[in-house]
mmCIF file of all heavy atoms, coordinates in Angstrom:
data_MODEL
# 
_entry.id   MODEL 
# 
loop_
_atom_site.group_PDB 
_atom_site.id 
_atom_site.type_symbol 
_atom_site.label_atom_id 
_atom_site.label_alt_id 
_atom_site.label_comp_id 
_atom_site.label_asym_id 
_atom_site.label_entity_id 
_atom_site.label_seq_id 
_atom_site.pdbx_PDB_ins_code 
_atom_site.Cartn_x 
_atom_site.Cartn_y 
_atom_site.Cartn_z 
_atom_site.occupancy 
_atom_site.B_iso_or_equiv 
_atom_site.pdbx_formal_charge 
_atom_site.auth_seq_id 
_atom_site.auth_comp_id 
_atom_site.auth_asym_id 
_atom_site.auth_atom_id 
_atom_site.pdbx_PDB_model_num 
ATOM 1   N N   . SER A 1 1  ? 0.801  -1.219  0.006  1.00 0.00 ? 1  SER A N   1 
ATOM 2   C CA  . SER A 1 1  ? -0.007 0.005   -0.005 1.00 0.00 ? 1  SER A CA  1 
ATOM 3   C C   . SER A 1 1  ? 0.843  1.259   0.014  1.00 0.00 ? 1  SER A C   1 
ATOM 4   O O   . SER A 1 1  ? 0.307  2.362   -0.053 1.00 0.00 ? 1  SER A O   1 
ATOM 5   C CB  . SER A 1 1  ? -0.927 0.004   1.207  1.00 0.00 ? 1  SER A CB  1 
ATOM 6   O OG  . SER A 1 1  ? -0.187 0.034   2.420  1.00 0.00 ? 1  SER A OG  1 
ATOM 7   N N   . GLY A 1 2  ? 2.179  1.115   0.080  1.00 0.00 ? 2  GLY A N   1 
ATOM 8   C CA  . GLY A 1 2  ? 3.069  2.257   0.064  1.00 0.00 ? 2  GLY A CA  1 
ATOM 9   C C   . GLY A 1 2  ? 3.476  2.750   1.424  1.00 0.00 ? 2  GLY A C   1 
ATOM 10  O O   . GLY A 1 2  ? 4.187  3.773   1.523  1.00 0.00 ? 2  GLY A O   1 
ATOM 11  N N   . ARG A 1 3  ? 3.038  2.102   2.482  1.00 0.00 ? 3  ARG A N   1 
ATOM 12  C CA  . ARG A 1 3  ? 3.373  2.517   3.822  1.00 0.00 ? 3  ARG A CA  1 
ATOM 13  C C   . ARG A 1 3  ? 4.829  2.237   4.138  1.00 0.00 ? 3  ARG A C   1 
ATOM 14  O O   . ARG A 1 3  ? 5.294  1.111   4.009  1.00 0.00 ? 3  ARG A O   1 
ATOM 15  C CB  . ARG A 1 3  ? 2.500  1.872   4.840  1.00 0.00 ? 3  ARG A CB  1 
ATOM 16  C CG  . ARG A 1 3  ? 2.862  2.182   6.304  1.00 0.00 ? 3  ARG A CG  1 
ATOM 17  C CD  . ARG A 1 3  ? 1.884  1.593   7.275  1.00 0.00 ? 3  ARG A CD  1 
ATOM 18  N NE  . ARG A 1 3  ? 2.247  2.008   8.643  1.00 0.00 ? 3  ARG A NE  1 
ATOM 19  C CZ  . ARG A 1 3  ? 1.484  1.762   9.727  1.00 0.00 ? 3  ARG A CZ  1 
ATOM 20  N NH1 . ARG A 1 3  ? 0.337  1.126   9.572  1.00 0.00 ? 3  ARG A NH1 1 
ATOM 21  N NH2 . ARG A 1 3  ? 1.868  2.157   10.919 1.00 0.00 ? 3  ARG A NH2 1 
ATOM 22  N N   . GLU A 1 4  ? 5.601  3.264   4.554  1.00 0.00 ? 4  GLU A N   1 
ATOM 23  C CA  . GLU A 1 4  ? 6.985  3.052   4.909  1.00 0.00 ? 4  GLU A CA  1 
ATOM 24  C C   . GLU A 1 4  ? 7.117  2.430   6.275  1.00 0.00 ? 4  GLU A C   1 
ATOM 25  O O   . GLU A 1 4  ? 6.383  2.779   7.216  1.00 0.00 ? 4  GLU A O   1 
ATOM 26  C CB  . GLU A 1 4  ? 7.725  4.386   4.855  1.00 0.00 ? 4  GLU A CB  1 
ATOM 27  C CG  . GLU A 1 4  ? 9.215  4.287   5.165  1.00 0.00 ? 4  GLU A CG  1 
ATOM 28  C CD  . GLU A 1 4  ? 9.926  5.642   5.101  1.00 0.00 ? 4  GLU A CD  1 
ATOM 29  O OE1 . GLU A 1 4  ? 9.233  6.618   4.789  1.00 0.00 ? 4  GLU A OE1 1 
ATOM 30  O OE2 . GLU A 1 4  ? 11.123 5.654   5.368  1.00 0.00 ? 4  GLU A OE2 1 
ATOM 31  N N   . VAL A 1 5  ? 8.015  1.466   6.388  1.00 0.00 ? 5  VAL A N   1 
ATOM 32  C CA  . VAL A 1 5  ? 8.250  0.772   7.666  1.00 0.00 ? 5  VAL A CA  1 
ATOM 33  C C   . VAL A 1 5  ? 9.721  0.865   7.985  1.00 0.00 ? 5  VAL A C   1 
ATOM 34  O O   . VAL A 1 5  ? 10.554 0.350   7.229  1.00 0.00 ? 5  VAL A O   1 
ATOM 35  C CB  . VAL A 1 5  ? 7.776  -0.714  7.575  1.00 0.00 ? 5  VAL A CB  1 
ATOM 36  C CG1 . VAL A 1 5  ? 8.062  -1.427  8.917  1.00 0.00 ? 5  VAL A CG1 1 
ATOM 37  C CG2 . VAL A 1 5  ? 6.323  -0.815  7.210  1.00 0.00 ? 5  VAL A CG2 1 
ATOM 38  N N   . THR A 1 6  ? 10.043 1.435   9.090  1.00 0.00 ? 6  THR A N   1 
ATOM 39  C CA  . THR A 1 6  ? 11.442 1.457   9.550  1.00 0.00 ? 6  THR A CA  1 
ATOM 40  C C   . THR A 1 6  ? 11.729 0.195   10.355 1.00 0.00 ? 6  THR A C   1 
ATOM 41  O O   . THR A 1 6  ? 10.799 -0.357  10.981 1.00 0.00 ? 6  THR A O   1 
ATOM 42  C CB  . THR A 1 6  ? 11.727 2.699   10.420 1.00 0.00 ? 6  THR A CB  1 
ATOM 43  O OG1 . THR A 1 6  ? 10.955 2.619   11.617 1.00 0.00 ? 6  THR A OG1 1 
ATOM 44  C CG2 . THR A 1 6  ? 11.363 3.982   9.670  1.00 0.00 ? 6  THR A CG2 1 
ATOM 45  N N   . PRO A 1 7  ? 12.959 -0.292  10.388 1.00 0.00 ? 7  PRO A N   1 
ATOM 46  C CA  . PRO A 1 7  ? 13.252 -1.460  11.192 1.00 0.00 ? 7  PRO A CA  1 
ATOM 47  C C   . PRO A 1 7  ? 12.903 -1.266  12.666 1.00 0.00 ? 7  PRO A C   1 
ATOM 48  O O   . PRO A 1 7  ? 12.436 -2.199  13.316 1.00 0.00 ? 7  PRO A O   1 
ATOM 49  C CB  . PRO A 1 7  ? 14.783 -1.642  11.005 1.00 0.00 ? 7  PRO A CB  1 
ATOM 50  C CG  . PRO A 1 7  ? 15.049 -1.011  9.659  1.00 0.00 ? 7  PRO A CG  1 
ATOM 51  C CD  . PRO A 1 7  ? 14.114 0.119   9.555  1.00 0.00 ? 7  PRO A CD  1 
ATOM 52  N N   . ALA A 1 8  ? 13.129 -0.074  13.194 1.00 0.00 ? 8  ALA A N   1 
ATOM 53  C CA  . ALA A 1 8  ? 12.835 0.171   14.605 1.00 0.00 ? 8  ALA A CA  1 
ATOM 54  C C   . ALA A 1 8  ? 11.350 0.081   14.875 1.00 0.00 ? 8  ALA A C   1 
ATOM 55  O O   . ALA A 1 8  ? 10.938 -0.506  15.882 1.00 0.00 ? 8  ALA A O   1 
ATOM 56  C CB  . ALA A 1 8  ? 13.381 1.547   14.996 1.00 0.00 ? 8  ALA A CB  1 
ATOM 57  N N   . TRP A 1 9  ? 10.539 0.652   14.003 1.00 0.00 ? 9  TRP A N   1 
ATOM 58  C CA  . TRP A 1 9  ? 9.090  0.595   14.254 1.00 0.00 ? 9  TRP A CA  1 
ATOM 59  C C   . TRP A 1 9  ? 8.516  -0.787  13.942 1.00 0.00 ? 9  TRP A C   1 
ATOM 60  O O   . TRP A 1 9  ? 7.496  -1.219  14.521 1.00 0.00 ? 9  TRP A O   1 
ATOM 61  C CB  . TRP A 1 9  ? 8.363  1.656   13.440 1.00 0.00 ? 9  TRP A CB  1 
ATOM 62  C CG  . TRP A 1 9  ? 6.898  1.627   13.743 1.00 0.00 ? 9  TRP A CG  1 
ATOM 63  C CD1 . TRP A 1 9  ? 5.871  1.388   12.863 1.00 0.00 ? 9  TRP A CD1 1 
ATOM 64  C CD2 . TRP A 1 9  ? 6.260  1.851   15.013 1.00 0.00 ? 9  TRP A CD2 1 
ATOM 65  N NE1 . TRP A 1 9  ? 4.650  1.437   13.511 1.00 0.00 ? 9  TRP A NE1 1 
ATOM 66  C CE2 . TRP A 1 9  ? 4.886  1.721   14.859 1.00 0.00 ? 9  TRP A CE2 1 
ATOM 67  C CE3 . TRP A 1 9  ? 6.770  2.143   16.290 1.00 0.00 ? 9  TRP A CE3 1 
ATOM 68  C CZ2 . TRP A 1 9  ? 3.982  1.883   15.904 1.00 0.00 ? 9  TRP A CZ2 1 
ATOM 69  C CZ3 . TRP A 1 9  ? 5.866  2.290   17.331 1.00 0.00 ? 9  TRP A CZ3 1 
ATOM 70  C CH2 . TRP A 1 9  ? 4.503  2.128   17.124 1.00 0.00 ? 9  TRP A CH2 1 
ATOM 71  N N   . ALA A 1 10 ? 9.179  -1.539  13.056 1.00 0.00 ? 10 ALA A N   1 
ATOM 72  C CA  . ALA A 1 10 ? 8.726  -2.903  12.821 1.00 0.00 ? 10 ALA A CA  1 
ATOM 73  C C   . ALA A 1 10 ? 8.737  -3.701  14.113 1.00 0.00 ? 10 ALA A C   1 
ATOM 74  O O   . ALA A 1 10 ? 7.816  -4.531  14.375 1.00 0.00 ? 10 ALA A O   1 
ATOM 75  C CB  . ALA A 1 10 ? 9.640  -3.578  11.778 1.00 0.00 ? 10 ALA A CB  1 
ATOM 76  N N   . VAL A 1 11 ? 9.731  -3.444  14.948 1.00 0.00 ? 11 VAL A N   1 
ATOM 77  C CA  . VAL A 1 11 ? 9.809  -4.098  16.246 1.00 0.00 ? 11 VAL A CA  1 
ATOM 78  C C   . VAL A 1 11 ? 8.996  -3.353  17.302 1.00 0.00 ? 11 VAL A C   1 
ATOM 79  O O   . VAL A 1 11 ? 8.238  -3.971  18.081 1.00 0.00 ? 11 VAL A O   1 
ATOM 80  C CB  . VAL A 1 11 ? 11.270 -4.192  16.732 1.00 0.00 ? 11 VAL A CB  1 
ATOM 81  C CG1 . VAL A 1 11 ? 11.368 -4.729  18.166 1.00 0.00 ? 11 VAL A CG1 1 
ATOM 82  C CG2 . VAL A 1 11 ? 12.069 -5.092  15.803 1.00 0.00 ? 11 VAL A CG2 1 
ATOM 83  N N   . GLY A 1 12 ? 9.075  -2.021  17.333 1.00 0.00 ? 12 GLY A N   1 
ATOM 84  C CA  . GLY A 1 12 ? 8.372  -1.246  18.339 1.00 0.00 ? 12 GLY A CA  1 
ATOM 85  C C   . GLY A 1 12 ? 6.896  -1.419  18.311 1.00 0.00 ? 12 GLY A C   1 
ATOM 86  O O   . GLY A 1 12 ? 6.240  -1.463  19.357 1.00 0.00 ? 12 GLY A O   1 
ATOM 87  N N   . GLY A 1 13 ? 6.327  -1.537  17.133 1.00 0.00 ? 13 GLY A N   1 
ATOM 88  C CA  . GLY A 1 13 ? 4.859  -1.727  17.019 1.00 0.00 ? 13 GLY A CA  1 
ATOM 89  C C   . GLY A 1 13 ? 4.400  -3.010  17.648 1.00 0.00 ? 13 GLY A C   1 
ATOM 90  O O   . GLY A 1 13 ? 3.255  -3.106  18.098 1.00 0.00 ? 13 GLY A O   1 
ATOM 91  N N   . LEU A 1 14 ? 5.235  -4.017  17.678 1.00 0.00 ? 14 LEU A N   1 
ATOM 92  C CA  . LEU A 1 14 ? 4.892  -5.278  18.279 1.00 0.00 ? 14 LEU A CA  1 
ATOM 93  C C   . LEU A 1 14 ? 4.843  -5.243  19.797 1.00 0.00 ? 14 LEU A C   1 
ATOM 94  O O   . LEU A 1 14 ? 4.325  -6.143  20.453 1.00 0.00 ? 14 LEU A O   1 
ATOM 95  C CB  . LEU A 1 14 ? 5.862  -6.368  17.825 1.00 0.00 ? 14 LEU A CB  1 
ATOM 96  C CG  . LEU A 1 14 ? 5.915  -6.680  16.344 1.00 0.00 ? 14 LEU A CG  1 
ATOM 97  C CD1 . LEU A 1 14 ? 7.043  -7.672  16.005 1.00 0.00 ? 14 LEU A CD1 1 
ATOM 98  C CD2 . LEU A 1 14 ? 4.584  -7.289  15.873 1.00 0.00 ? 14 LEU A CD2 1 
ATOM 99  N N   . LEU A 1 15 ? 5.413  -4.180  20.402 1.00 0.00 ? 15 LEU A N   1 
ATOM 100 C CA  . LEU A 1 15 ? 5.472  -4.060  21.831 1.00 0.00 ? 15 LEU A CA  1 
ATOM 101 C C   . LEU A 1 15 ? 4.399  -3.162  22.402 1.00 0.00 ? 15 LEU A C   1 
ATOM 102 O O   . LEU A 1 15 ? 4.299  -3.000  23.630 1.00 0.00 ? 15 LEU A O   1 
ATOM 103 C CB  . LEU A 1 15 ? 6.857  -3.518  22.251 1.00 0.00 ? 15 LEU A CB  1 
ATOM 104 C CG  . LEU A 1 15 ? 8.065  -4.316  21.760 1.00 0.00 ? 15 LEU A CG  1 
ATOM 105 C CD1 . LEU A 1 15 ? 9.358  -3.643  22.164 1.00 0.00 ? 15 LEU A CD1 1 
ATOM 106 C CD2 . LEU A 1 15 ? 8.008  -5.744  22.240 1.00 0.00 ? 15 LEU A CD2 1 
ATOM 107 N N   . VAL A 1 16 ? 3.582  -2.558  21.549 1.00 0.00 ? 16 VAL A N   1 
ATOM 108 C CA  . VAL A 1 16 ? 2.520  -1.681  22.007 1.00 0.00 ? 16 VAL A CA  1 
ATOM 109 C C   . VAL A 1 16 ? 1.220  -2.489  22.250 1.00 0.00 ? 16 VAL A C   1 
ATOM 110 O O   . VAL A 1 16 ? 0.704  -3.131  21.330 1.00 0.00 ? 16 VAL A O   1 
ATOM 111 C CB  . VAL A 1 16 ? 2.226  -0.596  20.968 1.00 0.00 ? 16 VAL A CB  1 
ATOM 112 C CG1 . VAL A 1 16 ? 1.098  0.334   21.419 1.00 0.00 ? 16 VAL A CG1 1 
ATOM 113 C CG2 . VAL A 1 16 ? 3.485  0.205   20.669 1.00 0.00 ? 16 VAL A CG2 1 
ATOM 114 N N   . PRO A 1 17 ? 0.730  -2.543  23.486 1.00 0.00 ? 17 PRO A N   1 
ATOM 115 C CA  . PRO A 1 17 ? -0.475 -3.315  23.778 1.00 0.00 ? 17 PRO A CA  1 
ATOM 116 C C   . PRO A 1 17 ? -1.658 -2.921  22.884 1.00 0.00 ? 17 PRO A C   1 
ATOM 117 O O   . PRO A 1 17 ? -1.847 -1.748  22.544 1.00 0.00 ? 17 PRO A O   1 
ATOM 118 C CB  . PRO A 1 17 ? -0.752 -2.968  25.232 1.00 0.00 ? 17 PRO A CB  1 
ATOM 119 C CG  . PRO A 1 17 ? 0.571  -2.550  25.808 1.00 0.00 ? 17 PRO A CG  1 
ATOM 120 C CD  . PRO A 1 17 ? 1.255  -1.846  24.689 1.00 0.00 ? 17 PRO A CD  1 
ATOM 121 N N   . LEU A 1 18 ? -2.437 -3.912  22.491 1.00 0.00 ? 18 LEU A N   1 
ATOM 122 C CA  . LEU A 1 18 ? -3.617 -3.752  21.625 1.00 0.00 ? 18 LEU A CA  1 
ATOM 123 C C   . LEU A 1 18 ? -3.233 -3.418  20.197 1.00 0.00 ? 18 LEU A C   1 
ATOM 124 O O   . LEU A 1 18 ? -3.693 -4.077  19.233 1.00 0.00 ? 18 LEU A O   1 
ATOM 125 C CB  . LEU A 1 18 ? -4.596 -2.740  22.207 1.00 0.00 ? 18 LEU A CB  1 
ATOM 126 C CG  . LEU A 1 18 ? -5.183 -3.077  23.589 1.00 0.00 ? 18 LEU A CG  1 
ATOM 127 C CD1 . LEU A 1 18 ? -6.169 -2.024  24.001 1.00 0.00 ? 18 LEU A CD1 1 
ATOM 128 C CD2 . LEU A 1 18 ? -5.863 -4.444  23.585 1.00 0.00 ? 18 LEU A CD2 1 
ATOM 129 N N   . TYR A 1 19 ? -2.429 -2.400  20.042 1.00 0.00 ? 19 TYR A N   1 
ATOM 130 C CA  . TYR A 1 19 ? -1.986 -2.040  18.683 1.00 0.00 ? 19 TYR A CA  1 
ATOM 131 C C   . TYR A 1 19 ? -1.257 -3.225  18.036 1.00 0.00 ? 19 TYR A C   1 
ATOM 132 O O   . TYR A 1 19 ? -1.321 -3.402  16.822 1.00 0.00 ? 19 TYR A O   1 
ATOM 133 C CB  . TYR A 1 19 ? -1.106 -0.815  18.690 1.00 0.00 ? 19 TYR A CB  1 
ATOM 134 C CG  . TYR A 1 19 ? -0.565 -0.395  17.354 1.00 0.00 ? 19 TYR A CG  1 
ATOM 135 C CD1 . TYR A 1 19 ? -1.373 0.350   16.465 1.00 0.00 ? 19 TYR A CD1 1 
ATOM 136 C CD2 . TYR A 1 19 ? 0.718  -0.728  16.955 1.00 0.00 ? 19 TYR A CD2 1 
ATOM 137 C CE1 . TYR A 1 19 ? -0.877 0.718   15.216 1.00 0.00 ? 19 TYR A CE1 1 
ATOM 138 C CE2 . TYR A 1 19 ? 1.213  -0.354  15.713 1.00 0.00 ? 19 TYR A CE2 1 
ATOM 139 C CZ  . TYR A 1 19 ? 0.417  0.371   14.855 1.00 0.00 ? 19 TYR A CZ  1 
ATOM 140 O OH  . TYR A 1 19 ? 0.901  0.723   13.634 1.00 0.00 ? 19 TYR A OH  1 
ATOM 141 N N   . ASN A 1 20 ? -0.535 -3.971  18.876 1.00 0.00 ? 20 ASN A N   1 
ATOM 142 C CA  . ASN A 1 20 ? 0.243  -5.078  18.309 1.00 0.00 ? 20 ASN A CA  1 
ATOM 143 C C   . ASN A 1 20 ? -0.616 -6.169  17.705 1.00 0.00 ? 20 ASN A C   1 
ATOM 144 O O   . ASN A 1 20 ? -0.150 -6.958  16.899 1.00 0.00 ? 20 ASN A O   1 
ATOM 145 C CB  . ASN A 1 20 ? 1.175  -5.668  19.339 1.00 0.00 ? 20 ASN A CB  1 
ATOM 146 C CG  . ASN A 1 20 ? 0.455  -6.137  20.603 1.00 0.00 ? 20 ASN A CG  1 
ATOM 147 O OD1 . ASN A 1 20 ? -0.766 -6.190  20.639 1.00 0.00 ? 20 ASN A OD1 1 
ATOM 148 N ND2 . ASN A 1 20 ? 1.212  -6.517  21.615 1.00 0.00 ? 20 ASN A ND2 1 
ATOM 149 N N   . LEU A 1 21 ? -1.939 -6.223  18.079 1.00 0.00 ? 21 LEU A N   1 
ATOM 150 C CA  . LEU A 1 21 ? -2.837 -7.189  17.451 1.00 0.00 ? 21 LEU A CA  1 
ATOM 151 C C   . LEU A 1 21 ? -3.029 -6.885  15.985 1.00 0.00 ? 21 LEU A C   1 
ATOM 152 O O   . LEU A 1 21 ? -3.241 -7.814  15.164 1.00 0.00 ? 21 LEU A O   1 
ATOM 153 C CB  . LEU A 1 21 ? -4.184 -7.180  18.189 1.00 0.00 ? 21 LEU A CB  1 
ATOM 154 C CG  . LEU A 1 21 ? -4.156 -7.514  19.675 1.00 0.00 ? 21 LEU A CG  1 
ATOM 155 C CD1 . LEU A 1 21 ? -5.540 -7.426  20.271 1.00 0.00 ? 21 LEU A CD1 1 
ATOM 156 C CD2 . LEU A 1 21 ? -3.537 -8.896  19.919 1.00 0.00 ? 21 LEU A CD2 1 
ATOM 157 N N   . TYR A 1 22 ? -2.985 -5.601  15.659 1.00 0.00 ? 22 TYR A N   1 
ATOM 158 C CA  . TYR A 1 22 ? -3.043 -5.193  14.240 1.00 0.00 ? 22 TYR A CA  1 
ATOM 159 C C   . TYR A 1 22 ? -1.664 -5.255  13.608 1.00 0.00 ? 22 TYR A C   1 
ATOM 160 O O   . TYR A 1 22 ? -1.509 -5.779  12.478 1.00 0.00 ? 22 TYR A O   1 
ATOM 161 C CB  . TYR A 1 22 ? -3.591 -3.788  14.121 1.00 0.00 ? 22 TYR A CB  1 
ATOM 162 C CG  . TYR A 1 22 ? -3.115 -3.036  12.886 1.00 0.00 ? 22 TYR A CG  1 
ATOM 163 C CD1 . TYR A 1 22 ? -3.654 -3.292  11.652 1.00 0.00 ? 22 TYR A CD1 1 
ATOM 164 C CD2 . TYR A 1 22 ? -2.104 -2.063  13.025 1.00 0.00 ? 22 TYR A CD2 1 
ATOM 165 C CE1 . TYR A 1 22 ? -3.189 -2.617  10.520 1.00 0.00 ? 22 TYR A CE1 1 
ATOM 166 C CE2 . TYR A 1 22 ? -1.637 -1.406  11.915 1.00 0.00 ? 22 TYR A CE2 1 
ATOM 167 C CZ  . TYR A 1 22 ? -2.169 -1.663  10.651 1.00 0.00 ? 22 TYR A CZ  1 
ATOM 168 O OH  . TYR A 1 22 ? -1.715 -0.994  9.554  1.00 0.00 ? 22 TYR A OH  1 
ATOM 169 N N   . TRP A 1 23 ? -0.664 -4.784  14.336 1.00 0.00 ? 23 TRP A N   1 
ATOM 170 C CA  . TRP A 1 23 ? 0.677  -4.641  13.737 1.00 0.00 ? 23 TRP A CA  1 
ATOM 171 C C   . TRP A 1 23 ? 1.336  -5.967  13.416 1.00 0.00 ? 23 TRP A C   1 
ATOM 172 O O   . TRP A 1 23 ? 2.137  -6.048  12.504 1.00 0.00 ? 23 TRP A O   1 
ATOM 173 C CB  . TRP A 1 23 ? 1.567  -3.824  14.699 1.00 0.00 ? 23 TRP A CB  1 
ATOM 174 C CG  . TRP A 1 23 ? 2.879  -3.445  14.056 1.00 0.00 ? 23 TRP A CG  1 
ATOM 175 C CD1 . TRP A 1 23 ? 4.103  -3.823  14.496 1.00 0.00 ? 23 TRP A CD1 1 
ATOM 176 C CD2 . TRP A 1 23 ? 3.073  -2.657  12.901 1.00 0.00 ? 23 TRP A CD2 1 
ATOM 177 N NE1 . TRP A 1 23 ? 5.094  -3.273  13.692 1.00 0.00 ? 23 TRP A NE1 1 
ATOM 178 C CE2 . TRP A 1 23 ? 4.483  -2.549  12.683 1.00 0.00 ? 23 TRP A CE2 1 
ATOM 179 C CE3 . TRP A 1 23 ? 2.212  -1.999  12.001 1.00 0.00 ? 23 TRP A CE3 1 
ATOM 180 C CZ2 . TRP A 1 23 ? 5.039  -1.834  11.644 1.00 0.00 ? 23 TRP A CZ2 1 
ATOM 181 C CZ3 . TRP A 1 23 ? 2.784  -1.303  10.959 1.00 0.00 ? 23 TRP A CZ3 1 
ATOM 182 C CH2 . TRP A 1 23 ? 4.154  -1.225  10.768 1.00 0.00 ? 23 TRP A CH2 1 
ATOM 183 N N   . ILE A 1 24 ? 0.969  -7.002  14.141 1.00 0.00 ? 24 ILE A N   1 
ATOM 184 C CA  . ILE A 1 24 ? 1.587  -8.308  13.832 1.00 0.00 ? 24 ILE A CA  1 
ATOM 185 C C   . ILE A 1 24 ? 1.230  -8.749  12.426 1.00 0.00 ? 24 ILE A C   1 
ATOM 186 O O   . ILE A 1 24 ? 2.036  -9.351  11.725 1.00 0.00 ? 24 ILE A O   1 
ATOM 187 C CB  . ILE A 1 24 ? 1.146  -9.366  14.885 1.00 0.00 ? 24 ILE A CB  1 
ATOM 188 C CG1 . ILE A 1 24 ? 2.011  -10.631 14.723 1.00 0.00 ? 24 ILE A CG1 1 
ATOM 189 C CG2 . ILE A 1 24 ? -0.308 -9.698  14.754 1.00 0.00 ? 24 ILE A CG2 1 
ATOM 190 C CD1 . ILE A 1 24 ? 1.738  -11.672 15.816 1.00 0.00 ? 24 ILE A CD1 1 
# 
């Protein structure tokens, strides 16, 4: 879809409660 993903946020998003259910 064109969304940029940084390596740091690829990991960081997995550590955010609830949001990680989408981010995984």
